[in-house]
């Protein structure tokens, strides 16, 4: 019982600590952020988590510190002995976050005993491990000889997987007499080169040019990539195609089918003939855009080539070129925004689960889990519930974490098992839901006393019974289970301390069988509370008188021995010497008659003693057979105190 009380107290402390944690986290500051360079070797040191949490090293294993993250994919490991937080493996920032900056991996530190959460972030810092690359190593640019100085010609940009200052910083071009290059920036932050004509071209003097375009990133030292630009000087074509609008913005659901028309762009050229014929094409298209979109070169209609996925890419910037049959072209930009549809069901990550809960405890923690949904807006908002007819409830904490607790103390004897269905549903249309079924067992504590099947028992035993006689059985049950329900039986001391109950009756501790240890005498039991003392005194007196008589007789015989030797033919007649008649039984009552008889045989010179020779006096009006018959027909009953353990 003392151990059970300590356990209940400990459980209350855990629940109280958890409630304090929930309220403290609700107003907690921003998560602790750590940083590490990408490509750092695995097992490298990140921080000492024990120091950050204000814990001593020996508390780590005692409190059950664990590091958890979304989807249970851990990039970190915790050294339980030192408290050091270490990398599990090399981290590739480009693989983890692509062009997203900063690249932040969120994780939680879970302390199980008592339960606490700490939010933390690991920022993977980019290193300059990629060089700029031009998708097209060679570019062909047709420039009319009628182009005036100051005319600009956008070129295809290079790509660099690094971010920030390690991404492309500027472009330079090899020495020449006609062009210089400017570094421009698009709306998405990418930089591209733009040729500027400084001097008018003369096709007859120089019909083509070959320039080397170099892209430099901002790393230290910088990395670079090159491409060849071939400039073809063409004959006069004084009008370039122009789009009706330079920028198009469209929205398209992510579940749009392949072949879906995204938008139709349109450009015109006031030239006539071959110089006025326009064709459309994707300009500076990345590999992803080329795989996702296609454009009709005659009509300018853009269509889908593959299924979109909002959770992977939310928008595309497509550059469209309208080129006439001559050397001129016009440019426009199409921004395609992918609209989310509710195509992902909520996901559940179970952080902690207790399959067995002790009964009679208030607000025990059963499970701790987090929920997430890859969709956005209403499609990504989540509600969580369980059945209403159960003594459990859900409590929400930070960042979509939920705790399942008992609503009130449970009673195993009423219900020993609960099947709980946790339903997680988003708010999209149609609503998608995920269900998790868990089984919680109610463990037993010893909170029920044994109960007899009857309030009282009356057992009848004939007197003069045989020893070890089975005289009856008592039975009790206990509503608890296991060892808490095992019942043992024992006899309580009688109210009269002089009644030798333990010498008369015994009970089997396992099954409640009662046995008479020896033959019982009805009359003895009836008269025992008043006669015991007197019988003991009487028996002691008779025994003392008998011993005195024997000693006296022996002394007289020794004195007469000499006289008997001298008279050789003198014989003493044989005959009994009546002694005292004492009735003695094992119970201390006078139930039979015994004659203590001392006999002497003449001429032998030896004395002979005979003890305990039973005699049955012939008392008028009373026969032994009649007494035995009466006793055998008389039943005795007595009360016993039974104790259960």
Foldseek 3Di string as FASTA:
>chain_A
DVVVVVVLVQLVVLVVVVVVQQVDQVPDDDAAEWEDEAQPAWFDFTAQQCVVVVHDLVVCVVQPKDKAFPPRDDQWDADSRRSTITGHGGHDQCVQPFADPFRKGKIWIFGVRSTHIGIYIYTHDYALPWAWAFPAQEAEAEAELPDDFFDKAWDQATFTRTYDQSTWDWKFKDDDDFWTWGWDADPVGDITIMITTHHGDDCVVPQKDKMKMKTWGRHVVIHIYIHIYIYGHDYDDPWAKDWPDQEAEFEDEQADDFFDWTDATDIFTPDDDQQGQKFKFWDSDDPVRVQFWGAHRRGRTITGNDGGDCLVPFKDKIKMWIGGSGRHIYIHIYIYGYDYALPWAKDKAWDDADQEAEFPHAWGWGTKMAIFTSTDDQSTAKDKFKDPPAQWGWDAGPRRMIIIIGNGGDDCLVPFKDKIKMWMWTRGVVIHIDIDIGMHGHAYDLPWDKDWPDPFDWWWDAAQDAAFAFTDFTDIFTSTDDPSTQKFKFFDQDPDNPPPVVQAWGAGGRTRTITGHHGHAQVLVVCVVPCVVVLVVVVVVVVVVVVVVVVVVVVVLVVCLVVCVVVQPDWDDWDKDWDDWDQQDPSSDRDFIFTFIWTQGTPPSDGDGDGGDGDDDDDPPDDPVVVVVVSRPDMDIDGTGMDMD
